[in-house]
Amino acid sequence: MDTGRIEAFSDGVLAIVITIMVLGLVQPEAATFESFFATTGLGLLSYLLSFVYVGIYWNNHHHMFQVADRVDGRVLWANLGLLFFISLLPFTTSWMDSTSFAQVPVILYGVVLLLMALAYFVLQSTIIRVQGKDSPLKRAIGSDWKGKVSPVLYLVGIVAAILDPGEAGVGIGIALVAFVLVAVLWVIPDRRIHRFYRESPERER
């Protein structure tokens, strides 16, 4: 089967995730900047980080399916697994915001980010298996160093949050820096698949 329906469904889910997250922002009680920063400030920052993550997955998902000419049941379920973990992002984002980045919500946020990364890896690997030994996707992603570094940074952040002494919040700070660093790493344009798709004669379907 072709990839049209799976791409359309995934786009719809990601759009809903973003909508739920923005609806979770708390409206300021007064029409002042002081009230805005006091009530919505942290929520806006956590929303921005999560929005960037959703955008990253949407971008990479789109590029990945540019070189996936067909899907089967394995790919469909792997894709649903990825969407499941992404759909948890609004909950963890809201909880982290409402508790002012308390330890357990930050840990859970990191765990969800890690599970999202692992689910994306599973989807990517499943597509490669479906395509066979001459997989265009495998050739396009190459060594995939970003995909290997990201889970390590997530784990560093999770462990740092777990070991946080609860006083200065150093561990929480390290965790948030690690999560932001991964986002920055992926926001930087990665044109491997786009370049492969543009230059490969296999792009004609």
Protein backbone atom coordinates (compact mmCIF):
# COMPACT_ATOMS: atom_id res chain seq x y z
CA MET A 1 0.00 0.00 0.00
CA ASP A 2 1.16 3.57 -0.58
CA THR A 3 2.03 6.08 2.14
CA GLY A 4 -0.66 8.71 1.55
CA ARG A 5 -3.08 7.67 4.30
CA ILE A 6 -0.42 7.11 6.97
CA GLU A 7 1.07 10.55 6.27
CA ALA A 8 -2.32 12.28 6.36
CA PHE A 9 -3.32 10.53 9.59
CA SER A 10 0.00 11.38 11.24
CA ASP A 11 -0.27 15.03 10.20
CA GLY A 12 -3.73 15.19 11.75
CA VAL A 13 -2.60 13.68 15.05
CA LEU A 14 0.35 16.06 15.33
CA ALA A 15 -1.89 19.03 14.60
CA ILE A 16 -4.26 17.93 17.37
CA VAL A 17 -1.34 17.50 19.80
CA ILE A 18 -0.22 21.08 19.16
CA THR A 19 -3.78 22.36 19.59
CA ILE A 20 -4.20 20.56 22.93
CA MET A 21 -0.90 21.97 24.19
CA VAL A 22 -1.74 25.57 23.34
CA LEU A 23 -5.17 25.23 24.96
CA GLY A 24 -3.36 24.20 28.13
CA LEU A 25 -1.77 27.62 28.51
CA VAL A 26 -3.19 29.51 31.49
CA GLN A 27 -4.73 32.90 30.69
CA PRO A 28 -3.38 35.82 32.80
CA GLU A 29 -5.77 37.09 35.46
CA ALA A 30 -5.04 40.75 34.69
CA ALA A 31 -4.25 42.67 31.53
CA THR A 32 -0.67 43.42 32.54
CA PHE A 33 2.75 42.11 31.56
CA GLU A 34 3.42 41.31 35.20
CA SER A 35 0.40 39.03 35.31
CA PHE A 36 1.33 37.51 31.97
CA PHE A 37 4.84 36.57 33.06
CA ALA A 38 3.68 35.39 36.47
CA THR A 39 0.82 33.26 35.15
CA THR A 40 1.77 32.23 31.62
CA GLY A 41 5.55 32.74 31.41
CA LEU A 42 6.76 29.27 32.39
CA GLY A 43 3.91 27.62 30.53
CA LEU A 44 4.84 29.45 27.36
CA LEU A 45 8.45 28.28 27.63
CA SER A 46 7.48 24.64 28.18
CA TYR A 47 4.93 24.91 25.35
CA LEU A 48 7.61 26.35 23.06
CA LEU A 49 9.97 23.46 23.81
CA SER A 50 7.26 20.86 23.21
CA PHE A 51 6.07 22.66 20.07
CA VAL A 52 9.62 22.51 18.69
CA TYR A 53 9.75 18.77 19.42
CA VAL A 54 6.47 18.15 17.61
CA GLY A 55 7.77 20.20 14.71
CA ILE A 56 10.98 18.19 14.61
CA TYR A 57 9.09 14.89 14.47
CA TRP A 58 6.69 16.22 11.85
CA ASN A 59 9.61 17.41 9.72
CA ASN A 60 11.59 14.18 10.00
CA HIS A 61 8.49 12.02 9.56
CA HIS A 62 7.70 13.88 6.35
CA HIS A 63 11.21 13.46 4.97
CA MET A 64 11.38 9.80 5.97
CA PHE A 65 8.25 8.95 4.02
CA GLN A 66 9.63 10.75 0.97
CA VAL A 67 11.84 7.69 0.45
CA ALA A 68 9.31 5.12 1.68
CA ASP A 69 7.37 4.06 -1.39
CA ARG A 70 5.22 1.49 0.40
CA VAL A 71 4.08 0.41 3.86
CA ASP A 72 2.67 -2.73 5.41
CA GLY A 73 1.07 -3.68 8.72
CA ARG A 74 4.38 -3.54 10.58
CA VAL A 75 4.96 0.05 9.51
CA LEU A 76 1.39 1.03 10.40
CA TRP A 77 1.76 -0.30 13.96
CA ALA A 78 5.23 1.18 14.39
CA ASN A 79 3.85 4.54 13.27
CA LEU A 80 0.96 4.25 15.74
CA GLY A 81 3.50 3.55 18.48
CA LEU A 82 5.31 6.78 17.66
CA LEU A 83 2.06 8.76 17.61
CA PHE A 84 1.05 7.25 20.97
CA PHE A 85 4.15 8.55 22.74
CA ILE A 86 3.91 11.94 21.01
CA SER A 87 0.28 12.19 22.16
CA LEU A 88 1.53 12.03 25.78
CA LEU A 89 3.48 15.26 25.29
CA PRO A 90 0.59 17.65 26.12
CA PHE A 91 0.02 15.89 29.47
CA THR A 92 3.67 15.90 30.53
CA THR A 93 4.14 19.48 29.32
CA SER A 94 1.11 20.70 31.29
CA TRP A 95 2.14 18.81 34.43
CA MET A 96 5.69 20.13 34.26
CA ASP A 97 4.37 23.68 33.86
CA SER A 98 1.73 23.49 36.62
CA THR A 99 4.33 22.23 39.12
CA SER A 100 6.98 24.81 38.14
CA PHE A 101 9.31 22.12 36.81
CA ALA A 102 9.17 19.84 39.83
CA GLN A 103 11.34 16.73 39.89
CA VAL A 104 8.88 13.97 39.00
CA PRO A 105 7.16 15.84 36.13
CA VAL A 106 10.56 16.72 34.62
CA ILE A 107 11.64 13.08 34.90
CA LEU A 108 8.43 11.91 33.23
CA TYR A 109 8.82 14.55 30.50
CA GLY A 110 12.31 13.20 29.78
CA VAL A 111 11.05 9.61 29.77
CA VAL A 112 8.38 10.53 27.20
CA LEU A 113 11.01 12.26 25.04
CA LEU A 114 13.18 9.14 25.25
CA LEU A 115 10.27 6.86 24.33
CA MET A 116 9.42 9.12 21.39
CA ALA A 117 13.00 8.81 20.13
CA LEU A 118 13.00 5.03 20.54
CA ALA A 119 9.61 4.75 18.81
CA TYR A 120 10.91 6.82 15.89
CA PHE A 121 13.95 4.52 15.68
CA VAL A 122 11.64 1.49 15.62
CA LEU A 123 9.56 3.05 12.82
CA GLN A 124 12.68 3.92 10.85
CA SER A 125 14.11 0.41 11.29
CA THR A 126 10.78 -1.17 10.31
CA ILE A 127 10.65 0.82 7.07
CA ILE A 128 14.23 -0.23 6.31
CA ARG A 129 13.32 -3.90 6.84
CA VAL A 130 10.30 -3.55 4.56
CA GLN A 131 12.46 -1.97 1.85
CA GLY A 132 15.02 -4.78 2.01
CA LYS A 133 18.81 -4.91 1.78
CA ASP A 134 19.01 -2.08 -0.75
CA SER A 135 16.85 0.23 1.39
CA PRO A 136 16.88 3.82 0.10
CA LEU A 137 16.12 5.06 3.63
CA LYS A 138 19.12 3.24 5.07
CA ARG A 139 21.39 4.81 2.47
CA ALA A 140 19.83 8.23 3.05
CA ILE A 141 20.26 8.37 6.85
CA GLY A 142 23.85 7.11 6.80
CA SER A 143 25.43 6.83 10.25
CA ASP A 144 22.50 8.70 11.88
CA TRP A 145 24.71 10.22 14.58
CA LYS A 146 21.96 12.53 15.79
CA GLY A 147 19.68 9.56 16.34
CA LYS A 148 22.38 7.90 18.45
CA VAL A 149 23.36 10.96 20.49
CA SER A 150 19.83 12.06 21.35
CA PRO A 151 18.85 9.08 23.59
CA VAL A 152 22.14 9.49 25.47
CA LEU A 153 21.34 13.14 26.21
CA TYR A 154 17.80 12.20 27.27
CA LEU A 155 19.23 9.62 29.67
CA VAL A 156 21.70 12.17 31.05
CA GLY A 157 18.80 14.54 31.69
CA ILE A 158 16.61 11.87 33.29
CA VAL A 159 19.40 10.65 35.59
CA ALA A 160 20.33 14.23 36.52
CA ALA A 161 16.71 14.95 37.47
CA ILE A 162 16.49 11.72 39.50
CA LEU A 163 19.68 12.59 41.40
CA ASP A 164 18.63 16.20 41.98
CA PRO A 165 19.27 17.09 45.64
CA GLY A 166 16.10 19.18 45.74
CA GLU A 167 17.81 22.32 47.02
CA ALA A 168 19.35 24.40 44.25
CA GLY A 169 17.64 22.37 41.55
CA VAL A 170 20.92 21.72 39.76
CA GLY A 171 19.83 18.33 38.47
CA ILE A 172 16.58 19.76 37.12
CA GLY A 173 18.57 22.49 35.38
CA ILE A 174 20.90 19.93 33.79
CA ALA A 175 17.90 17.89 32.64
CA LEU A 176 16.23 20.89 30.99
CA VAL A 177 19.49 21.93 29.32
CA ALA A 178 19.88 18.39 27.96
CA PHE A 179 16.33 18.42 26.56
CA VAL A 180 16.83 21.83 24.97
CA LEU A 181 20.18 20.75 23.55
CA VAL A 182 18.59 17.81 21.73
CA ALA A 183 15.94 20.13 20.30
CA VAL A 184 18.60 22.56 19.07
CA LEU A 185 20.54 19.64 17.61
CA TRP A 186 17.56 18.61 15.49
CA VAL A 187 16.34 22.10 14.63
CA ILE A 188 19.59 22.65 12.73
CA PRO A 189 18.65 21.61 9.17
CA ASP A 190 19.52 18.00 8.35
CA ARG A 191 19.24 17.57 4.61
CA ARG A 192 20.43 13.97 4.27
CA ILE A 193 17.12 12.49 3.20
CA HIS A 194 16.10 15.59 1.23
CA ARG A 195 19.40 15.52 -0.66
CA PHE A 196 19.14 11.78 -1.31
CA TYR A 197 15.55 12.15 -2.51
CA ARG A 198 16.47 15.02 -4.84
CA GLU A 199 19.50 13.28 -6.35
CA SER A 200 18.23 9.70 -6.52
CA PRO A 201 16.55 8.41 -9.69
CA GLU A 202 14.39 6.25 -7.36
CA ARG A 203 12.35 9.33 -6.45
CA GLU A 204 10.17 8.73 -9.46
CA ARG A 205 7.22 6.58 -8.33
